[in-house]
Amino acid sequence: MWIWAVQHPAAGPINWWLILLGLSYLLAVLSVPSVLLQRRGKPHTAVSWLLVLFALPGLGLFLWWAIGRKHLERQRHKRRKAAAQTAFSMTRLRGEIGAGGEPDRRLLPIQHMPAEEAEWVFPPTMNNRVQLLIDAAETYPAIEAAIRAAREHVHLAFYIWNDDATGRSWRDLLIDTVRRGVKVRLLLDGLGSRFAVRRHLMRPLVEAGGEVAVFLPLTLFSLRPTINFRNHRKIVVVDGSTGFLGGLNIGDEYQAMWHDLGMQLEGPVVDQLQETFVEDWYFATNREIVSPHLFSQRPSAGEAARLQAVDDAHAVCSLLASGPHTPHNFTHDAMFLAITQAQQRIYITTPYLIPEESTLAALRTAVYRGVDVQVMVPANNDVRLVQWAGRSYYPDLIGAGVRLFEFLPKILHAKSVAIDDEFSIVGSANIDVRSFRLNFEASCLARSKSLNRRLVELFVSNLGQSREVTDDELRKRSYLAQLGDAAAHLLSPLL
């Protein structure tokens, strides 16, 4: 026994590896109460973490205390303080500018929500102009044109901003914008944009007069690491009148290797996008920027003429700005509710498919009701472990009658849901545990027949470049491949 060896030197040299192993298991045992309390109500997640703690001694312990715990308690308090400050300022501002109006409650059949949940949910708004943007080829030029036409301010929030030709080109565009007298505020995620931050990519922008903030910077030696809670939103708001969201980050690869979606917005929903940015900015900087000129702005006649090509000029929209600071995740709840209400079809495009049991049940029962349910995922994913874990869900989905396709030409990064003939969701949220529990996300929930039609047409077009995964194919997969998927499946609640 290693303890005996320590106490009796005559027994031989001390085996430090065994000591470290024993200490790791002891600390793992002492960590069990933390896992049970932090993951109460989520038994599958708790079991997965316990497996990691004891199957990977030392490493599992580090992973739990570094990224596994819900460290957002302190951050959540700060986040709620930010939301409360923004809400107070917005309430006063709406009284001054007369913004608002009677919302259209027909977007989702929600009759009642708990007060603590309702405070995080934006109401549906009418008469929004929406335009679907496909890939960087359409999204980048649209955003760049809006920035070049900016008169007062440009607000941007991105998860990834790479230090490459594209990242430097966009930085220079923002520098030119600042020099024209336009206020530029840029919010970068501390993890996704870490290389841009470390290499001081944005120093010239700051020196020119722009403002740059980092959302939850990485702190290796903090007692409360925040690596697990990321701002995955991609938001651009120009002059309070034009907004953009979607799945596209800023980098070279998004122009060639990725198939993605963006969305251009005008109308009352832009105020919701702006309010989300304002709250994120306050959270990251403790600086309040709410003012009348940021909200309830409409495009000038010249801008309206330039932006006439829209999918719908009268869409009903609501922003889903979810995150781990909320009691429940409304992006998940809205999607679950929409799936359970579907009568004809459900077309889902997602790069990461790690659904919760509730989502799986909703998709299965939709098929039982006779709904045409089809899901498209990438054949080649940028995160292999997530792809392996996602494939572990294929047998259950396909066995229930869900048709599943893998997109072949590029890395599929688009996130969209098209339900029946008028309901759609486009944004940054994936169908996975991380988007529903850990990330701050922004998606647009819309009721628009023309937007829905475009999403369906794109989905059908992409089917021509995809391969359908069949039940027979799954049964023929090698034993090792199935074992690998099953092992990754155990980690799916952690991903």
Protein backbone atom coordinates (compact mmCIF):
# COMPACT_ATOMS: atom_id res chain seq x y z
CA MET A 1 0.00 0.00 0.00
CA TRP A 2 1.27 3.45 -0.90
CA ILE A 3 0.40 4.78 2.58
CA TRP A 4 2.54 2.08 4.18
CA ALA A 5 5.41 2.95 1.82
CA VAL A 6 5.32 6.56 2.94
CA GLN A 7 5.35 5.61 6.64
CA HIS A 8 8.07 2.98 6.32
CA PRO A 9 11.02 4.18 4.23
CA ALA A 10 12.62 0.77 4.45
CA ALA A 11 9.92 -0.55 2.16
CA GLY A 12 11.50 1.29 -0.78
CA PRO A 13 11.29 4.62 -2.61
CA ILE A 14 8.09 6.61 -2.36
CA ASN A 15 5.83 6.14 -5.39
CA TRP A 16 4.71 9.72 -5.97
CA TRP A 17 2.49 8.70 -8.87
CA LEU A 18 0.42 6.50 -6.57
CA ILE A 19 0.26 9.29 -4.01
CA LEU A 20 -1.02 11.75 -6.62
CA LEU A 21 -3.49 9.15 -7.88
CA GLY A 22 -4.81 8.52 -4.38
CA LEU A 23 -5.02 12.23 -3.67
CA SER A 24 -6.93 12.76 -6.94
CA TYR A 25 -9.48 10.12 -5.99
CA LEU A 26 -9.81 11.59 -2.52
CA LEU A 27 -10.47 15.07 -3.97
CA ALA A 28 -12.88 13.51 -6.48
CA VAL A 29 -14.85 11.98 -3.61
CA LEU A 30 -14.88 15.35 -1.82
CA SER A 31 -16.14 16.96 -5.07
CA VAL A 32 -19.16 14.66 -5.33
CA PRO A 33 -21.43 16.90 -3.18
CA SER A 34 -20.57 19.87 -5.40
CA VAL A 35 -21.56 17.90 -8.51
CA LEU A 36 -24.81 16.71 -6.97
CA LEU A 37 -25.81 20.20 -5.81
CA GLN A 38 -24.76 22.01 -8.97
CA ARG A 39 -26.48 19.47 -11.23
CA ARG A 40 -29.56 18.70 -9.16
CA GLY A 41 -32.55 18.09 -11.38
CA LYS A 42 -30.22 16.96 -14.19
CA PRO A 43 -29.29 13.36 -13.33
CA HIS A 44 -27.76 12.55 -16.73
CA THR A 45 -25.41 15.52 -16.48
CA ALA A 46 -24.52 14.66 -12.90
CA VAL A 47 -23.69 11.05 -13.82
CA SER A 48 -21.57 12.23 -16.75
CA TRP A 49 -19.53 14.51 -14.50
CA LEU A 50 -19.10 11.79 -11.87
CA LEU A 51 -17.84 9.47 -14.58
CA VAL A 52 -15.32 12.08 -15.71
CA LEU A 53 -14.17 12.70 -12.12
CA PHE A 54 -13.35 9.05 -11.48
CA ALA A 55 -12.46 7.81 -14.97
CA LEU A 56 -10.01 10.65 -15.59
CA PRO A 57 -8.36 11.23 -12.20
CA GLY A 58 -6.76 14.62 -11.94
CA LEU A 59 -7.95 15.82 -15.34
CA GLY A 60 -11.60 15.26 -14.43
CA LEU A 61 -11.05 17.15 -11.19
CA PHE A 62 -9.52 20.10 -13.06
CA LEU A 63 -12.33 20.13 -15.64
CA TRP A 64 -15.04 20.19 -12.97
CA TRP A 65 -13.59 23.02 -10.94
CA ALA A 66 -12.46 24.95 -14.02
CA ILE A 67 -15.51 24.69 -16.28
CA GLY A 68 -18.05 22.34 -14.76
CA ARG A 69 -19.44 24.41 -11.91
CA LYS A 70 -22.03 27.10 -12.44
CA HIS A 71 -19.62 29.91 -11.73
CA LEU A 72 -22.13 32.40 -13.05
CA GLU A 73 -23.63 32.98 -9.61
CA ARG A 74 -21.51 36.06 -9.07
CA GLN A 75 -21.64 36.94 -12.73
CA ARG A 76 -25.38 36.30 -12.79
CA HIS A 77 -25.84 38.85 -10.01
CA LYS A 78 -23.83 41.35 -12.02
CA ARG A 79 -25.77 40.42 -15.14
CA ARG A 80 -29.07 41.02 -13.40
CA LYS A 81 -27.74 44.31 -12.12
CA ALA A 82 -26.89 45.20 -15.71
CA ALA A 83 -30.34 44.15 -16.89
CA ALA A 84 -32.05 46.05 -14.09
CA GLN A 85 -30.07 49.21 -14.83
CA THR A 86 -30.80 48.92 -18.54
CA ALA A 87 -34.48 48.18 -17.91
CA PHE A 88 -34.81 51.20 -15.63
CA SER A 89 -33.17 53.45 -18.21
CA MET A 90 -35.23 51.96 -21.02
CA THR A 91 -38.51 52.43 -19.12
CA ARG A 92 -37.71 56.09 -18.61
CA LEU A 93 -36.56 56.44 -22.21
CA ARG A 94 -39.71 54.88 -23.67
CA GLY A 95 -41.75 57.42 -21.74
CA GLU A 96 -39.69 60.21 -23.27
CA ILE A 97 -39.80 59.08 -26.90
CA GLY A 98 -43.19 57.35 -26.88
CA ALA A 99 -41.74 54.07 -28.13
CA GLY A 100 -43.56 50.79 -27.88
CA GLY A 101 -47.15 50.15 -28.84
CA GLU A 102 -49.41 47.17 -28.42
CA PRO A 103 -47.38 44.02 -29.16
CA ASP A 104 -48.69 41.24 -31.36
CA ARG A 105 -49.10 38.24 -29.06
CA ARG A 106 -49.91 35.84 -31.89
CA LEU A 107 -46.29 34.96 -32.61
CA LEU A 108 -46.43 32.14 -30.08
CA PRO A 109 -49.48 30.89 -28.17
CA ILE A 110 -48.14 32.08 -24.80
CA GLN A 111 -50.87 33.25 -22.45
CA HIS A 112 -48.91 33.53 -19.22
CA MET A 113 -45.31 33.54 -18.07
CA PRO A 114 -43.80 33.73 -14.57
CA ALA A 115 -42.70 37.24 -13.68
CA GLU A 116 -39.03 36.31 -13.33
CA GLU A 117 -39.13 34.70 -16.79
CA ALA A 118 -41.13 37.44 -18.49
CA GLU A 119 -38.56 40.09 -17.58
CA TRP A 120 -36.06 38.42 -19.92
CA VAL A 121 -38.41 37.87 -22.89
CA PHE A 122 -38.92 40.51 -25.57
CA PRO A 123 -42.53 40.84 -26.80
CA PRO A 124 -43.41 40.27 -30.46
CA THR A 125 -43.33 43.41 -32.62
CA MET A 126 -45.11 44.14 -35.89
CA ASN A 127 -44.09 45.71 -39.22
CA ASN A 128 -40.47 44.63 -39.31
CA ARG A 129 -38.46 44.43 -42.53
CA VAL A 130 -36.44 41.21 -42.68
CA GLN A 131 -33.92 39.93 -45.19
CA LEU A 132 -32.22 36.53 -45.12
CA LEU A 133 -28.52 36.69 -45.99
CA ILE A 134 -26.80 33.52 -47.22
CA ASP A 135 -23.12 32.98 -46.45
CA ALA A 136 -20.46 35.63 -46.00
CA ALA A 137 -20.87 36.51 -49.69
CA GLU A 138 -24.17 38.22 -48.86
CA THR A 139 -23.79 38.94 -45.13
CA TYR A 140 -20.43 40.72 -45.09
CA PRO A 141 -21.22 43.21 -47.91
CA ALA A 142 -24.61 44.04 -46.37
CA ILE A 143 -23.06 44.81 -42.97
CA GLU A 144 -20.16 46.71 -44.51
CA ALA A 145 -22.52 48.87 -46.58
CA ALA A 146 -24.57 49.71 -43.49
CA ILE A 147 -21.41 50.63 -41.55
CA ARG A 148 -20.17 52.87 -44.36
CA ALA A 149 -23.54 54.65 -44.38
CA ALA A 150 -23.58 55.10 -40.58
CA ARG A 151 -24.17 58.66 -39.37
CA GLU A 152 -24.17 58.36 -35.53
CA HIS A 153 -23.09 55.01 -34.12
CA VAL A 154 -22.13 51.41 -34.89
CA HIS A 155 -22.43 48.69 -32.23
CA LEU A 156 -20.90 45.25 -32.83
CA ALA A 157 -20.68 42.11 -30.70
CA PHE A 158 -18.93 38.98 -32.01
CA TYR A 159 -17.87 35.68 -30.50
CA ILE A 160 -14.89 35.21 -32.85
CA TRP A 161 -12.88 37.97 -34.47
CA ASN A 162 -9.75 36.51 -36.06
CA ASP A 163 -6.43 38.25 -36.49
CA ASP A 164 -6.29 37.59 -40.24
CA ALA A 165 -6.89 39.50 -43.47
CA THR A 166 -10.65 39.65 -42.92
CA GLY A 167 -10.34 40.67 -39.27
CA ARG A 168 -7.85 43.42 -40.10
CA SER A 169 -9.96 44.64 -43.02
CA TRP A 170 -13.03 44.99 -40.80
CA ARG A 171 -10.95 46.71 -38.10
CA ASP A 172 -9.73 49.22 -40.68
CA LEU A 173 -13.32 49.81 -41.81
CA LEU A 174 -14.24 50.63 -38.22
CA ILE A 175 -11.23 52.97 -37.93
CA ASP A 176 -12.40 54.83 -41.05
CA THR A 177 -15.89 54.98 -39.55
CA VAL A 178 -14.58 56.52 -36.31
CA ARG A 179 -12.61 59.10 -38.28
CA ARG A 180 -15.85 60.18 -39.96
CA GLY A 181 -17.16 61.13 -36.53
CA VAL A 182 -19.27 58.00 -35.95
CA LYS A 183 -19.24 56.39 -32.50
CA VAL A 184 -18.01 52.78 -32.69
CA ARG A 185 -18.37 50.28 -29.84
CA LEU A 186 -17.04 46.74 -30.31
CA LEU A 187 -17.63 43.90 -27.82
CA LEU A 188 -15.48 40.77 -28.23
CA ASP A 189 -15.83 37.51 -26.35
CA GLY A 190 -12.85 36.79 -24.12
CA LEU A 191 -12.49 33.19 -25.32
CA GLY A 192 -13.62 33.22 -28.95
CA SER A 193 -11.62 36.37 -29.79
CA ARG A 194 -8.71 35.65 -27.45
CA PHE A 195 -6.08 35.80 -30.21
CA ALA A 196 -7.31 39.18 -31.43
CA VAL A 197 -7.24 40.41 -27.83
CA ARG A 198 -3.78 39.00 -27.01
CA ARG A 199 -2.23 40.31 -30.21
CA HIS A 200 -3.70 43.76 -29.64
CA LEU A 201 -5.44 43.67 -33.01
CA MET A 202 -7.82 46.41 -31.94
CA ARG A 203 -5.23 48.81 -30.50
CA PRO A 204 -5.29 51.02 -33.66
CA LEU A 205 -9.09 51.22 -33.39
CA VAL A 206 -8.86 52.35 -29.76
CA GLU A 207 -6.14 54.86 -30.64
CA ALA A 208 -8.41 56.25 -33.36
CA GLY A 209 -11.19 56.84 -30.80
CA GLY A 210 -13.22 53.63 -30.97
CA GLU A 211 -14.28 51.72 -27.86
CA VAL A 212 -13.43 48.04 -27.47
CA ALA A 213 -14.54 45.84 -24.56
CA VAL A 214 -13.97 42.17 -23.71
CA PHE A 215 -16.82 40.00 -22.45
CA LEU A 216 -15.66 37.87 -19.49
CA PRO A 217 -11.90 37.95 -20.13
CA LEU A 218 -10.04 34.72 -19.43
CA THR A 219 -8.46 34.68 -15.98
CA LEU A 220 -6.38 31.58 -15.31
CA PHE A 221 -5.80 32.23 -11.62
CA SER A 222 -9.27 33.41 -10.66
CA LEU A 223 -11.07 31.48 -7.93
CA ARG A 224 -14.17 31.78 -10.10
CA PRO A 225 -13.12 30.99 -13.66
CA THR A 226 -15.64 32.03 -16.30
CA ILE A 227 -14.36 30.06 -19.28
CA ASN A 228 -17.63 28.13 -19.60
CA PHE A 229 -19.93 31.14 -20.07
CA ARG A 230 -19.40 32.77 -23.42
CA ASN A 231 -21.11 35.49 -25.42
CA HIS A 232 -21.89 33.54 -28.57
CA ARG A 233 -23.97 36.36 -30.06
CA LYS A 234 -23.20 37.99 -33.39
CA ILE A 235 -24.87 41.41 -33.33
CA VAL A 236 -24.48 44.58 -35.39
CA VAL A 237 -26.68 47.67 -34.87
CA VAL A 238 -26.20 50.77 -37.04
CA ASP A 239 -27.76 54.11 -36.02
CA GLY A 240 -30.48 52.28 -34.11
CA SER A 241 -32.31 51.67 -37.40
CA THR A 242 -30.63 48.64 -39.00
CA GLY A 243 -29.62 45.44 -37.25
CA PHE A 244 -27.91 42.19 -38.15
CA LEU A 245 -27.63 38.82 -36.41
CA GLY A 246 -26.89 35.23 -37.35
CA GLY A 247 -24.13 32.66 -37.13
CA LEU A 248 -21.25 34.39 -38.92
CA ASN A 249 -18.12 35.43 -37.10
CA ILE A 250 -15.33 37.58 -38.56
CA GLY A 251 -12.50 35.64 -40.23
CA ASP A 252 -11.08 34.37 -43.51
CA GLU A 253 -12.53 30.87 -43.19
CA TYR A 254 -16.10 32.16 -43.08
CA GLN A 255 -15.71 33.49 -46.62
CA ALA A 256 -14.67 30.22 -48.21
CA MET A 257 -15.07 27.12 -46.04
CA TRP A 258 -18.35 27.75 -44.19
CA HIS A 259 -22.02 27.74 -45.17
CA ASP A 260 -23.83 30.10 -42.81
CA LEU A 261 -26.78 32.47 -42.45
CA GLY A 262 -27.24 36.07 -41.44
CA MET A 263 -30.32 38.22 -41.10
CA GLN A 264 -30.85 41.92 -41.71
CA LEU A 265 -33.55 43.63 -39.65
CA GLU A 266 -35.31 46.98 -39.65
CA GLY A 267 -38.22 48.10 -37.52
CA PRO A 268 -39.14 47.78 -33.83
CA VAL A 269 -37.20 44.53 -33.36
CA VAL A 270 -33.96 46.52 -33.87
CA ASP A 271 -34.66 48.22 -30.52
CA GLN A 272 -34.60 44.77 -28.91
CA LEU A 273 -31.27 44.00 -30.59
CA GLN A 274 -29.95 47.36 -29.43
CA GLU A 275 -31.17 46.80 -25.88
CA THR A 276 -29.38 43.44 -25.82
CA PHE A 277 -26.14 45.08 -26.90
CA VAL A 278 -26.57 47.91 -24.37
CA GLU A 279 -27.03 45.38 -21.55
CA ASP A 280 -24.02 43.33 -22.70
CA TRP A 281 -21.94 46.50 -22.89
CA TYR A 282 -22.95 47.55 -19.37
CA PHE A 283 -22.18 44.05 -18.09
CA ALA A 284 -18.70 44.11 -19.64
CA THR A 285 -17.77 47.72 -18.86
CA ASN A 286 -20.08 49.02 -16.09
CA ARG A 287 -20.79 51.95 -18.40
CA GLU A 288 -24.41 52.96 -19.11
CA ILE A 289 -24.95 54.12 -22.70
CA VAL A 290 -28.78 54.24 -22.93
CA SER A 291 -29.91 57.44 -24.68
CA PRO A 292 -32.80 58.43 -27.00
CA HIS A 293 -30.72 58.51 -30.19
CA LEU A 294 -29.95 54.78 -29.83
CA PHE A 295 -33.58 53.67 -30.07
CA SER A 296 -36.73 53.94 -32.19
CA GLN A 297 -34.83 55.20 -35.21
CA ARG A 298 -36.01 54.47 -38.72
CA PRO A 299 -34.00 54.44 -41.97
CA SER A 300 -33.94 57.65 -43.96
CA ALA A 301 -35.70 57.78 -47.34
CA GLY A 302 -32.37 57.18 -49.09
CA GLU A 303 -31.55 54.19 -46.91
CA ALA A 304 -35.03 52.74 -47.37
CA ALA A 305 -34.65 52.97 -51.13
CA ARG A 306 -31.26 51.27 -50.92
CA LEU A 307 -32.70 48.47 -48.79
CA GLN A 308 -35.90 47.74 -50.71
CA ALA A 309 -34.95 44.14 -51.49
CA VAL A 310 -36.39 42.51 -48.38
CA ASP A 311 -38.07 39.16 -47.88
CA ASP A 312 -40.89 40.71 -45.86
CA ALA A 313 -41.71 44.32 -44.97
CA HIS A 314 -44.38 43.41 -42.41
CA ALA A 315 -42.89 40.55 -40.40
CA VAL A 316 -43.81 39.90 -36.78
CA CYS A 317 -40.54 39.47 -34.87
CA SER A 318 -39.24 38.88 -31.37
CA LEU A 319 -35.62 38.71 -30.28
CA LEU A 320 -34.63 35.65 -28.26
CA ALA A 321 -31.72 36.92 -26.14
CA SER A 322 -31.11 33.93 -23.88
CA GLY A 323 -28.27 33.05 -21.57
CA PRO A 324 -27.23 31.28 -18.36
CA HIS A 325 -28.32 34.30 -16.33
CA THR A 326 -32.01 33.54 -16.92
CA PRO A 327 -34.17 31.20 -14.79
CA HIS A 328 -35.06 29.20 -17.91
CA ASN A 329 -33.88 29.32 -21.51
CA PHE A 330 -36.56 30.90 -23.65
CA THR A 331 -34.80 29.97 -26.89
CA HIS A 332 -35.22 26.32 -25.91
CA ASP A 333 -38.76 26.87 -24.63
CA ALA A 334 -39.84 28.80 -27.75
CA MET A 335 -38.40 26.13 -30.02
CA PHE A 336 -39.98 23.33 -27.97
CA LEU A 337 -43.37 25.06 -28.03
CA ALA A 338 -43.17 25.70 -31.77
CA ILE A 339 -42.22 22.08 -32.50
CA THR A 340 -45.09 20.75 -30.41
CA GLN A 341 -47.51 23.08 -32.26
CA ALA A 342 -46.29 22.15 -35.78
CA GLN A 343 -48.85 20.65 -38.13
CA GLN A 344 -47.10 20.25 -41.50
CA ARG A 345 -43.31 20.37 -41.48
CA ILE A 346 -40.23 21.08 -39.35
CA TYR A 347 -36.96 21.78 -41.18
CA ILE A 348 -33.99 22.24 -38.84
CA THR A 349 -30.45 23.21 -39.83
CA THR A 350 -27.83 23.08 -37.08
CA PRO A 351 -24.06 22.54 -37.01
CA TYR A 352 -24.13 20.92 -33.56
CA LEU A 353 -26.85 18.43 -32.73
CA ILE A 354 -26.83 17.46 -29.05
CA PRO A 355 -30.52 17.77 -28.17
CA GLU A 356 -31.94 17.58 -24.69
CA GLU A 357 -34.46 14.83 -23.97
CA SER A 358 -37.33 17.30 -24.19
CA THR A 359 -36.29 18.32 -27.72
CA LEU A 360 -35.92 14.67 -28.75
CA ALA A 361 -39.38 13.89 -27.43
CA ALA A 362 -40.87 16.91 -29.21
CA LEU A 363 -39.36 15.84 -32.55
CA ARG A 364 -40.45 12.22 -32.12
CA THR A 365 -44.03 13.09 -31.22
CA ALA A 366 -44.19 15.55 -34.12
CA VAL A 367 -43.46 12.64 -36.45
CA TYR A 368 -46.16 10.63 -34.69
CA ARG A 369 -48.62 13.44 -35.50
CA GLY A 370 -47.75 13.15 -39.19
CA VAL A 371 -45.42 16.16 -39.37
CA ASP A 372 -42.58 16.03 -41.92
CA VAL A 373 -39.48 16.42 -39.72
CA GLN A 374 -36.11 16.84 -41.42
CA VAL A 375 -32.78 17.79 -39.83
CA MET A 376 -29.60 18.87 -41.64
CA VAL A 377 -26.16 18.73 -40.01
CA PRO A 378 -22.62 18.96 -41.43
CA ALA A 379 -20.88 15.88 -42.78
CA ASN A 380 -17.61 17.38 -41.55
CA ASN A 381 -17.76 19.32 -38.33
CA ASP A 382 -15.16 21.75 -36.99
CA VAL A 383 -15.49 20.13 -33.53
CA ARG A 384 -15.02 16.38 -33.90
CA LEU A 385 -16.02 15.39 -30.38
CA VAL A 386 -19.31 17.25 -30.74
CA GLN A 387 -19.92 15.53 -34.07
CA TRP A 388 -19.30 12.10 -32.56
CA ALA A 389 -21.61 12.88 -29.66
CA GLY A 390 -24.25 14.14 -32.09
CA ARG A 391 -24.13 10.94 -34.11
CA SER A 392 -25.05 9.00 -31.00
CA TYR A 393 -28.53 10.56 -31.31
CA TYR A 394 -29.01 9.43 -34.92
CA PRO A 395 -30.53 5.98 -34.18
CA ASP A 396 -33.19 7.45 -31.89
CA LEU A 397 -34.14 10.19 -34.37
CA ILE A 398 -34.09 8.05 -37.49
CA GLY A 399 -35.84 5.18 -35.71
CA ALA A 400 -38.69 7.55 -34.84
CA GLY A 401 -39.05 8.65 -38.47
CA VAL A 402 -37.02 11.87 -38.50
CA ARG A 403 -35.14 12.25 -41.79
CA LEU A 404 -31.53 13.26 -41.18
CA PHE A 405 -29.12 14.67 -43.78
CA GLU A 406 -25.41 15.49 -43.74
CA PHE A 407 -24.35 18.52 -45.80
CA LEU A 408 -21.27 17.70 -47.89
CA PRO A 409 -19.60 20.66 -49.68
CA LYS A 410 -18.64 22.96 -46.79
CA ILE A 411 -18.70 23.17 -43.02
CA LEU A 412 -22.36 23.77 -42.27
CA HIS A 413 -22.61 26.49 -39.60
CA ALA A 414 -26.11 27.84 -40.28
CA LYS A 415 -28.70 27.76 -37.50
CA SER A 416 -32.32 27.92 -38.62
CA VAL A 417 -35.73 26.39 -37.98
CA ALA A 418 -38.62 26.59 -40.45
CA ILE A 419 -41.98 25.35 -39.15
CA ASP A 420 -45.14 24.99 -41.24
CA ASP A 421 -45.49 27.87 -43.69
CA GLU A 422 -44.82 31.03 -41.68
CA PHE A 423 -42.82 30.41 -38.48
CA SER A 424 -39.00 30.72 -38.47
CA ILE A 425 -36.00 31.07 -36.15
CA VAL A 426 -32.62 32.35 -37.37
CA GLY A 427 -29.70 33.29 -35.15
CA SER A 428 -26.68 32.09 -33.22
CA ALA A 429 -28.17 29.26 -31.11
CA ASN A 430 -27.40 25.64 -31.96
CA ILE A 431 -29.53 22.64 -31.03
CA ASP A 432 -27.19 21.66 -28.23
CA VAL A 433 -26.78 21.79 -24.48
CA ARG A 434 -24.20 24.60 -24.59
CA SER A 435 -26.46 27.00 -26.49
CA PHE A 436 -29.43 26.21 -24.26
CA ARG A 437 -27.61 26.33 -20.91
CA LEU A 438 -24.25 28.06 -21.04
CA ASN A 439 -23.95 30.55 -23.90
CA PHE A 440 -25.44 33.99 -24.34
CA GLU A 441 -27.29 33.72 -27.67
CA ALA A 442 -29.35 35.96 -29.95
CA SER A 443 -31.91 34.64 -32.43
CA CYS A 444 -34.85 36.17 -34.24
CA LEU A 445 -38.18 34.44 -33.91
CA ALA A 446 -40.36 35.55 -36.84
CA ARG A 447 -43.80 34.99 -38.30
CA SER A 448 -43.40 35.62 -42.00
CA LYS A 449 -44.55 33.45 -44.90
CA SER A 450 -41.98 34.87 -47.32
CA LEU A 451 -39.06 34.42 -44.92
CA ASN A 452 -40.22 30.91 -44.12
CA ARG A 453 -40.49 30.18 -47.84
CA ARG A 454 -36.90 31.30 -48.43
CA LEU A 455 -35.64 29.09 -45.62
CA VAL A 456 -37.54 26.12 -46.99
CA GLU A 457 -36.23 26.77 -50.51
CA LEU A 458 -32.67 26.97 -49.16
CA PHE A 459 -33.15 23.75 -47.18
CA VAL A 460 -34.47 21.91 -50.24
CA SER A 461 -31.60 23.29 -52.35
CA ASN A 462 -29.08 22.08 -49.79
CA LEU A 463 -30.63 18.61 -49.88
CA GLY A 464 -29.16 18.32 -53.39
CA GLN A 465 -25.70 18.66 -51.81
CA SER A 466 -26.36 16.34 -48.89
CA ARG A 467 -26.55 12.64 -48.17
CA GLU A 468 -29.33 11.08 -46.15
CA VAL A 469 -28.30 8.99 -43.18
CA THR A 470 -30.27 5.75 -43.13
CA ASP A 471 -31.02 3.22 -40.43
CA ASP A 472 -29.35 0.50 -42.51
CA GLU A 473 -26.18 2.58 -42.73
CA LEU A 474 -26.10 3.04 -38.97
CA ARG A 475 -26.36 -0.73 -38.40
CA LYS A 476 -23.42 -1.33 -40.74
CA ARG A 477 -21.06 1.03 -38.94
CA SER A 478 -18.03 -0.65 -37.42
CA TYR A 479 -18.00 -1.68 -33.80
CA LEU A 480 -15.25 0.81 -32.99
CA ALA A 481 -17.17 3.67 -34.63
CA GLN A 482 -20.30 2.84 -32.65
CA LEU A 483 -18.24 2.53 -29.47
CA GLY A 484 -16.65 5.93 -30.10
CA ASP A 485 -20.06 7.55 -30.61
CA ALA A 486 -21.38 5.89 -27.46
CA ALA A 487 -18.40 7.11 -25.44
CA ALA A 488 -18.85 10.64 -26.79
CA HIS A 489 -22.55 10.39 -25.94
CA LEU A 490 -21.64 10.04 -22.27
CA LEU A 491 -19.95 13.42 -22.48
CA SER A 492 -22.82 15.10 -24.36
CA PRO A 493 -24.29 16.80 -21.25
CA LEU A 494 -20.87 18.42 -20.74
CA LEU A 495 -20.43 19.72 -24.31
